[in-house]
PDB file of N, CA and C in Angstrom:
ATOM      1  N   MET A   1       0.846  -1.180   0.000  1.00  0.00           N
ATOM      2  CA  MET A   1       0.000   0.000   0.000  1.00  0.00           C
ATOM      3  C   MET A   1       0.886   1.236   0.000  1.00  0.00           C
ATOM      4  N   ASP A   2       0.499   2.219  -0.782  1.00  0.00           N
ATOM      5  CA  ASP A   2       1.179   3.508  -0.712  1.00  0.00           C
ATOM      6  C   ASP A   2       0.715   4.209   0.556  1.00  0.00           C
ATOM      7  N   GLU A   3       1.647   4.581   1.385  1.00  0.00           N
ATOM      8  CA  GLU A   3       1.315   5.168   2.679  1.00  0.00           C
ATOM      9  C   GLU A   3       0.457   6.421   2.535  1.00  0.00           C
ATOM     10  N   HIS A   4       0.700   7.191   1.467  1.00  0.00           N
ATOM     11  CA  HIS A   4      -0.065   8.431   1.304  1.00  0.00           C
ATOM     12  C   HIS A   4      -1.510   8.174   0.886  1.00  0.00           C
ATOM     13  N   MET A   5      -1.873   6.948   0.550  1.00  0.00           N
ATOM     14  CA  MET A   5      -3.251   6.613   0.179  1.00  0.00           C
ATOM     15  C   MET A   5      -4.017   5.959   1.321  1.00  0.00           C
ATOM     16  N   ALA A   6      -3.350   5.658   2.422  1.00  0.00           N
ATOM     17  CA  ALA A   6      -3.982   4.950   3.539  1.00  0.00           C
ATOM     18  C   ALA A   6      -5.141   5.732   4.138  1.00  0.00           C
ATOM     19  N   MET A   7      -5.101   7.048   4.049  1.00  0.00           N
ATOM     20  CA  MET A   7      -6.173   7.851   4.636  1.00  0.00           C
ATOM     21  C   MET A   7      -7.512   7.609   3.950  1.00  0.00           C
ATOM     22  N   PHE A   8      -7.495   7.010   2.774  1.00  0.00           N
ATOM     23  CA  PHE A   8      -8.722   6.748   2.043  1.00  0.00           C
ATOM     24  C   PHE A   8      -9.209   5.311   2.205  1.00  0.00           C
ATOM     25  N   SER A   9      -8.524   4.522   3.045  1.00  0.00           N
ATOM     26  CA  SER A   9      -8.917   3.140   3.297  1.00  0.00           C
ATOM     27  C   SER A   9     -10.200   3.092   4.111  1.00  0.00           C
ATOM     28  N   GLU A  10     -10.877   1.964   4.053  1.00  0.00           N
ATOM     29  CA  GLU A  10     -12.118   1.802   4.815  1.00  0.00           C
ATOM     30  C   GLU A  10     -11.864   1.720   6.314  1.00  0.00           C
ATOM     31  N   CYS A  11     -10.686   1.262   6.697  1.00  0.00           N
ATOM     32  CA  CYS A  11     -10.365   1.202   8.123  1.00  0.00           C
ATOM     33  C   CYS A  11      -9.006   1.868   8.354  1.00  0.00           C
ATOM     34  N   LEU A  12      -8.874   2.435   9.520  1.00  0.00           N
ATOM     35  CA  LEU A  12      -7.647   3.148   9.871  1.00  0.00           C
ATOM     36  C   LEU A  12      -6.572   2.158  10.292  1.00  0.00           C
ATOM     37  N   PRO A  13      -5.389   2.221   9.676  1.00  0.00           N
ATOM     38  CA  PRO A  13      -4.289   1.368  10.124  1.00  0.00           C
ATOM     39  C   PRO A  13      -3.947   1.672  11.581  1.00  0.00           C
ATOM     40  N   VAL A  14      -3.494   0.667  12.305  1.00  0.00           N
ATOM     41  CA  VAL A  14      -3.223   0.862  13.736  1.00  0.00           C
ATOM     42  C   VAL A  14      -1.748   1.091  14.054  1.00  0.00           C
ATOM     43  N   ASN A  15      -0.868   0.751  13.151  1.00  0.00           N
ATOM     44  CA  ASN A  15       0.566   0.849  13.410  1.00  0.00           C
ATOM     45  C   ASN A  15       1.146   2.104  12.751  1.00  0.00           C
ATOM     46  N   PRO A  16       1.604   3.076  13.533  1.00  0.00           N
ATOM     47  CA  PRO A  16       2.156   4.294  12.946  1.00  0.00           C
ATOM     48  C   PRO A  16       3.569   4.122  12.381  1.00  0.00           C
ATOM     49  N   THR A  17       4.261   3.081  12.758  1.00  0.00           N
ATOM     50  CA  THR A  17       5.670   2.932  12.392  1.00  0.00           C
ATOM     51  C   THR A  17       5.928   3.000  10.893  1.00  0.00           C
ATOM     52  N   PRO A  18       5.220   2.246  10.035  1.00  0.00           N
ATOM     53  CA  PRO A  18       5.532   2.334   8.607  1.00  0.00           C
ATOM     54  C   PRO A  18       5.284   3.731   8.025  1.00  0.00           C
ATOM     55  N   PHE A  19       4.341   4.438   8.585  1.00  0.00           N
ATOM     56  CA  PHE A  19       4.047   5.776   8.097  1.00  0.00           C
ATOM     57  C   PHE A  19       5.146   6.757   8.478  1.00  0.00           C
ATOM     58  N   LEU A  20       5.614   6.643   9.695  1.00  0.00           N
ATOM     59  CA  LEU A  20       6.690   7.517  10.147  1.00  0.00           C
ATOM     60  C   LEU A  20       7.997   7.210   9.422  1.00  0.00           C
ATOM     61  N   ILE A  21       8.251   5.948   9.174  1.00  0.00           N
ATOM     62  CA  ILE A  21       9.454   5.556   8.421  1.00  0.00           C
ATOM     63  C   ILE A  21       9.393   6.112   7.004  1.00  0.00           C
ATOM     64  N   LYS A  22       8.233   5.943   6.335  1.00  0.00           N
ATOM     65  CA  LYS A  22       8.082   6.429   4.956  1.00  0.00           C
ATOM     66  C   LYS A  22       8.230   7.940   4.901  1.00  0.00           C
ATOM     67  N   ALA A  23       7.618   8.657   5.842  1.00  0.00           N
ATOM     68  CA  ALA A  23       7.735  10.112   5.865  1.00  0.00           C
ATOM     69  C   ALA A  23       9.196  10.520   6.028  1.00  0.00           C
ATOM     70  N   THR A  24       9.900   9.853   6.918  1.00  0.00           N
ATOM     71  CA  THR A  24      11.321  10.151   7.145  1.00  0.00           C
ATOM     72  C   THR A  24      12.132   9.904   5.874  1.00  0.00           C
ATOM     73  N   GLU A  25      11.883   8.784   5.212  1.00  0.00           N
ATOM     74  CA  GLU A  25      12.599   8.467   3.972  1.00  0.00           C
ATOM     75  C   GLU A  25      12.358   9.534   2.908  1.00  0.00           C
ATOM     76  N   LEU A  26      11.107   9.919   2.725  1.00  0.00           N
ATOM     77  CA  LEU A  26      10.779  10.908   1.694  1.00  0.00           C
ATOM     78  C   LEU A  26      11.395  12.265   1.997  1.00  0.00           C
ATOM     79  N   ILE A  27      11.411  12.649   3.256  1.00  0.00           N
ATOM     80  CA  ILE A  27      12.011  13.930   3.631  1.00  0.00           C
ATOM     81  C   ILE A  27      13.520  13.890   3.439  1.00  0.00           C
ATOM     82  N   ARG A  28      14.147  12.774   3.776  1.00  0.00           N
ATOM     83  CA  ARG A  28      15.599  12.640   3.555  1.00  0.00           C
ATOM     84  C   ARG A  28      15.929  12.705   2.071  1.00  0.00           C
ATOM     85  N   GLU A  29      15.091  12.062   1.239  1.00  0.00           N
ATOM     86  CA  GLU A  29      15.336  12.034  -0.209  1.00  0.00           C
ATOM     87  C   GLU A  29      15.083  13.383  -0.870  1.00  0.00           C
ATOM     88  N   ASN A  30      14.091  14.113  -0.387  1.00  0.00           N
ATOM     89  CA  ASN A  30      13.632  15.315  -1.077  1.00  0.00           C
ATOM     90  C   ASN A  30      13.952  16.621  -0.357  1.00  0.00           C
ATOM     91  N   GLY A  31      14.537  16.548   0.819  1.00  0.00           N
ATOM     92  CA  GLY A  31      14.869  17.749   1.581  1.00  0.00           C
ATOM     93  C   GLY A  31      13.796  18.083   2.602  1.00  0.00           C
ATOM     94  N   THR A  32      14.179  18.884   3.581  1.00  0.00           N
ATOM     95  CA  THR A  32      13.288  19.155   4.703  1.00  0.00           C
ATOM     96  C   THR A  32      12.027  19.923   4.310  1.00  0.00           C
ATOM     97  N   ASP A  33      12.065  20.703   3.249  1.00  0.00           N
ATOM     98  CA  ASP A  33      10.858  21.411   2.809  1.00  0.00           C
ATOM     99  C   ASP A  33       9.774  20.463   2.314  1.00  0.00           C
ATOM    100  N   TYR A  34      10.142  19.219   2.051  1.00  0.00           N
ATOM    101  CA  TYR A  34       9.164  18.229   1.576  1.00  0.00           C
ATOM    102  C   TYR A  34       8.101  17.938   2.637  1.00  0.00           C
ATOM    103  N   ILE A  35       8.338  18.344   3.879  1.00  0.00           N
ATOM    104  CA  ILE A  35       7.342  18.186   4.944  1.00  0.00           C
ATOM    105  C   ILE A  35       6.053  18.911   4.566  1.00  0.00           C
ATOM    106  N   LYS A  36       6.141  19.897   3.686  1.00  0.00           N
ATOM    107  CA  LYS A  36       4.978  20.678   3.258  1.00  0.00           C
ATOM    108  C   LYS A  36       4.235  20.052   2.083  1.00  0.00           C
ATOM    109  N   SER A  37       4.743  18.949   1.559  1.00  0.00           N
ATOM    110  CA  SER A  37       4.118  18.316   0.387  1.00  0.00           C
ATOM    111  C   SER A  37       2.809  17.624   0.770  1.00  0.00           C
ATOM    112  N   ASP A  38       1.942  17.487  -0.200  1.00  0.00           N
ATOM    113  CA  ASP A  38       0.678  16.790   0.044  1.00  0.00           C
ATOM    114  C   ASP A  38       0.901  15.314   0.373  1.00  0.00           C
ATOM    115  N   GLN A  39       1.936  14.717  -0.184  1.00  0.00           N
ATOM    116  CA  GLN A  39       2.226  13.311   0.120  1.00  0.00           C
ATOM    117  C   GLN A  39       2.546  13.133   1.601  1.00  0.00           C
ATOM    118  N   ILE A  40       3.379  14.001   2.148  1.00  0.00           N
ATOM    119  CA  ILE A  40       3.706  13.914   3.574  1.00  0.00           C
ATOM    120  C   ILE A  40       2.495  14.286   4.425  1.00  0.00           C
ATOM    121  N   LYS A  41       1.745  15.291   4.020  1.00  0.00           N
ATOM    122  CA  LYS A  41       0.554  15.671   4.788  1.00  0.00           C
ATOM    123  C   LYS A  41      -0.452  14.525   4.854  1.00  0.00           C
ATOM    124  N   ALA A  42      -0.587  13.757   3.772  1.00  0.00           N
ATOM    125  CA  ALA A  42      -1.491  12.604   3.787  1.00  0.00           C
ATOM    126  C   ALA A  42      -0.983  11.528   4.741  1.00  0.00           C
ATOM    127  N   ILE A  43       0.318  11.317   4.768  1.00  0.00           N
ATOM    128  CA  ILE A  43       0.905  10.351   5.708  1.00  0.00           C
ATOM    129  C   ILE A  43       0.700  10.828   7.140  1.00  0.00           C
ATOM    130  N   LEU A  44       0.952  12.109   7.378  1.00  0.00           N
ATOM    131  CA  LEU A  44       0.782  12.659   8.722  1.00  0.00           C
ATOM    132  C   LEU A  44      -0.675  12.646   9.150  1.00  0.00           C
ATOM    133  N   TRP A  45      -1.598  12.773   8.196  1.00  0.00           N
ATOM    134  CA  TRP A  45      -3.026  12.695   8.530  1.00  0.00           C
ATOM    135  C   TRP A  45      -3.321  11.369   9.218  1.00  0.00           C
ATOM    136  N   VAL A  46      -2.762  10.283   8.687  1.00  0.00           N
ATOM    137  CA  VAL A  46      -2.984   8.959   9.279  1.00  0.00           C
ATOM    138  C   VAL A  46      -2.406   8.909  10.691  1.00  0.00           C
ATOM    139  N   VAL A  47      -1.195   9.407  10.864  1.00  0.00           N
ATOM    140  CA  VAL A  47      -0.558   9.383  12.181  1.00  0.00           C
ATOM    141  C   VAL A  47      -1.343  10.238  13.182  1.00  0.00           C
ATOM    142  N   LEU A  48      -1.788  11.407  12.760  1.00  0.00           N
ATOM    143  CA  LEU A  48      -2.585  12.257  13.651  1.00  0.00           C
ATOM    144  C   LEU A  48      -3.927  11.612  13.971  1.00  0.00           C
ATOM    145  N   ALA A  49      -4.547  10.974  12.990  1.00  0.00           N
ATOM    146  CA  ALA A  49      -5.813  10.278  13.241  1.00  0.00           C
ATOM    147  C   ALA A  49      -5.611   9.127  14.218  1.00  0.00           C
ATOM    148  N   GLN A  50      -4.471   8.450  14.118  1.00  0.00           N
ATOM    149  CA  GLN A  50      -4.173   7.376  15.063  1.00  0.00           C
ATOM    150  C   GLN A  50      -3.985   7.941  16.473  1.00  0.00           C
ATOM    151  N   SER A  51      -3.397   9.094  16.564  1.00  0.00           N
ATOM    152  CA  SER A  51      -3.080   9.696  17.854  1.00  0.00           C
ATOM    153  C   SER A  51      -4.280  10.391  18.501  1.00  0.00           C
ATOM    154  N   TYR A  52      -5.030  11.144  17.717  1.00  0.00           N
ATOM    155  CA  TYR A  52      -6.115  11.964  18.254  1.00  0.00           C
ATOM    156  C   TYR A  52      -7.506  11.388  18.000  1.00  0.00           C
ATOM    157  N   GLY A  53      -7.621  10.500  17.022  1.00  0.00           N
ATOM    158  CA  GLY A  53      -8.922   9.987  16.609  1.00  0.00           C
ATOM    159  C   GLY A  53      -9.272  10.537  15.233  1.00  0.00           C
ATOM    160  N   GLN A  54      -9.938   9.726  14.428  1.00  0.00           N
ATOM    161  CA  GLN A  54     -10.202  10.081  13.037  1.00  0.00           C
ATOM    162  C   GLN A  54     -11.032  11.355  12.874  1.00  0.00           C
ATOM    163  N   LEU A  55     -11.887  11.653  13.812  1.00  0.00           N
ATOM    164  CA  LEU A  55     -12.777  12.798  13.657  1.00  0.00           C
ATOM    165  C   LEU A  55     -12.345  14.000  14.486  1.00  0.00           C
ATOM    166  N   ALA A  56     -11.146  13.968  15.001  1.00  0.00           N
ATOM    167  CA  ALA A  56     -10.657  15.061  15.845  1.00  0.00           C
ATOM    168  C   ALA A  56     -10.446  16.327  15.025  1.00  0.00           C
ATOM    169  N   LEU A  57     -10.720  17.438  15.661  1.00  0.00           N
ATOM    170  CA  LEU A  57     -10.349  18.741  15.119  1.00  0.00           C
ATOM    171  C   LEU A  57      -9.196  19.230  15.991  1.00  0.00           C
ATOM    172  N   ILE A  58      -8.048  19.425  15.384  1.00  0.00           N
ATOM    173  CA  ILE A  58      -6.855  19.768  16.143  1.00  0.00           C
ATOM    174  C   ILE A  58      -6.540  21.242  15.953  1.00  0.00           C
ATOM    175  N   ASP A  59      -6.614  21.988  17.024  1.00  0.00           N
ATOM    176  CA  ASP A  59      -6.215  23.392  17.032  1.00  0.00           C
ATOM    177  C   ASP A  59      -4.793  23.415  17.591  1.00  0.00           C
ATOM    178  N   LEU A  60      -3.816  23.669  16.738  1.00  0.00           N
ATOM    179  CA  LEU A  60      -2.419  23.582  17.162  1.00  0.00           C
ATOM    180  C   LEU A  60      -2.073  24.575  18.255  1.00  0.00           C
ATOM    181  N   SER A  61      -2.715  25.726  18.273  1.00  0.00           N
ATOM    182  CA  SER A  61      -2.470  26.696  19.351  1.00  0.00           C
ATOM    183  C   SER A  61      -2.939  26.153  20.690  1.00  0.00           C
ATOM    184  N   LYS A  62      -4.145  25.603  20.707  1.00  0.00           N
ATOM    185  CA  LYS A  62      -4.669  25.032  21.951  1.00  0.00           C
ATOM    186  C   LYS A  62      -3.850  23.820  22.379  1.00  0.00           C
ATOM    187  N   GLU A  63      -3.441  23.015  21.413  1.00  0.00           N
ATOM    188  CA  GLU A  63      -2.645  21.837  21.747  1.00  0.00           C
ATOM    189  C   GLU A  63      -1.276  22.252  22.271  1.00  0.00           C
ATOM    190  N   TRP A  64      -0.704  23.318  21.722  1.00  0.00           N
ATOM    191  CA  TRP A  64       0.574  23.823  22.234  1.00  0.00           C
ATOM    192  C   TRP A  64       0.410  24.242  23.689  1.00  0.00           C
ATOM    193  N   ASP A  65      -0.663  24.988  23.973  1.00  0.00           N
ATOM    194  CA  ASP A  65      -0.918  25.419  25.355  1.00  0.00           C
ATOM    195  C   ASP A  65      -1.070  24.219  26.291  1.00  0.00           C
ATOM    196  N   ARG A  66      -1.835  23.224  25.862  1.00  0.00           N
ATOM    197  CA  ARG A  66      -2.064  22.044  26.689  1.00  0.00           C
ATOM    198  C   ARG A  66      -0.763  21.305  26.946  1.00  0.00           C
ATOM    199  N   LEU A  67       0.013  21.069  25.887  1.00  0.00           N
ATOM    200  CA  LEU A  67       1.268  20.342  26.054  1.00  0.00           C
ATOM    201  C   LEU A  67       2.289  21.159  26.854  1.00  0.00           C
ATOM    202  N   SER A  68       2.244  22.462  26.715  1.00  0.00           N
ATOM    203  CA  SER A  68       3.122  23.320  27.512  1.00  0.00           C
ATOM    204  C   SER A  68       2.833  23.143  28.988  1.00  0.00           C
ATOM    205  N   GLN A  69       1.577  23.059  29.338  1.00  0.00           N
ATOM    206  CA  GLN A  69       1.208  22.841  30.741  1.00  0.00           C
ATOM    207  C   GLN A  69       1.640  21.453  31.207  1.00  0.00           C
ATOM    208  N   VAL A  70       1.498  20.467  30.361  1.00  0.00           N
ATOM    209  CA  VAL A  70       1.881  19.097  30.719  1.00  0.00           C
ATOM    210  C   VAL A  70       3.387  19.007  30.978  1.00  0.00           C
ATOM    211  N   PHE A  71       4.181  19.586  30.097  1.00  0.00           N
ATOM    212  CA  PHE A  71       5.627  19.392  30.169  1.00  0.00           C
ATOM    213  C   PHE A  71       6.382  20.472  30.945  1.00  0.00           C
ATOM    214  N   ASN A  72       5.723  21.567  31.271  1.00  0.00           N
ATOM    215  CA  ASN A  72       6.390  22.641  32.009  1.00  0.00           C
ATOM    216  C   ASN A  72       5.838  22.818  33.414  1.00  0.00           C
ATOM    217  N   LYS A  73       5.369  21.757  33.990  1.00  0.00           N
ATOM    218  CA  LYS A  73       4.846  21.814  35.379  1.00  0.00           C
ATOM    219  C   LYS A  73       5.959  22.078  36.349  1.00  0.00           C
TER     220      LYS A  73
END
C-alpha cells in the first residue's frame, strides 16, 4: 500500500511505524521542505488520526498550550 493513500482506506491502520518511516525516507530524499508536500501531509493525517482519533479537530495553538502545561509543570 502507498502510505499516502492509507487515509482513504475503509479502516484506519493501527501501526504508525511504517508511516513515520516512509515520511522520514521521503524527507531525507527530497529535503526538509518536503514536509509541506501533500504526500507527507497525507501520511501525517494517518498518524494524527491514530493519535487523536479520526474525527478530531486539532487546534495547534490550543494543543501547544495544553502540552506546555503538561511538560512545564
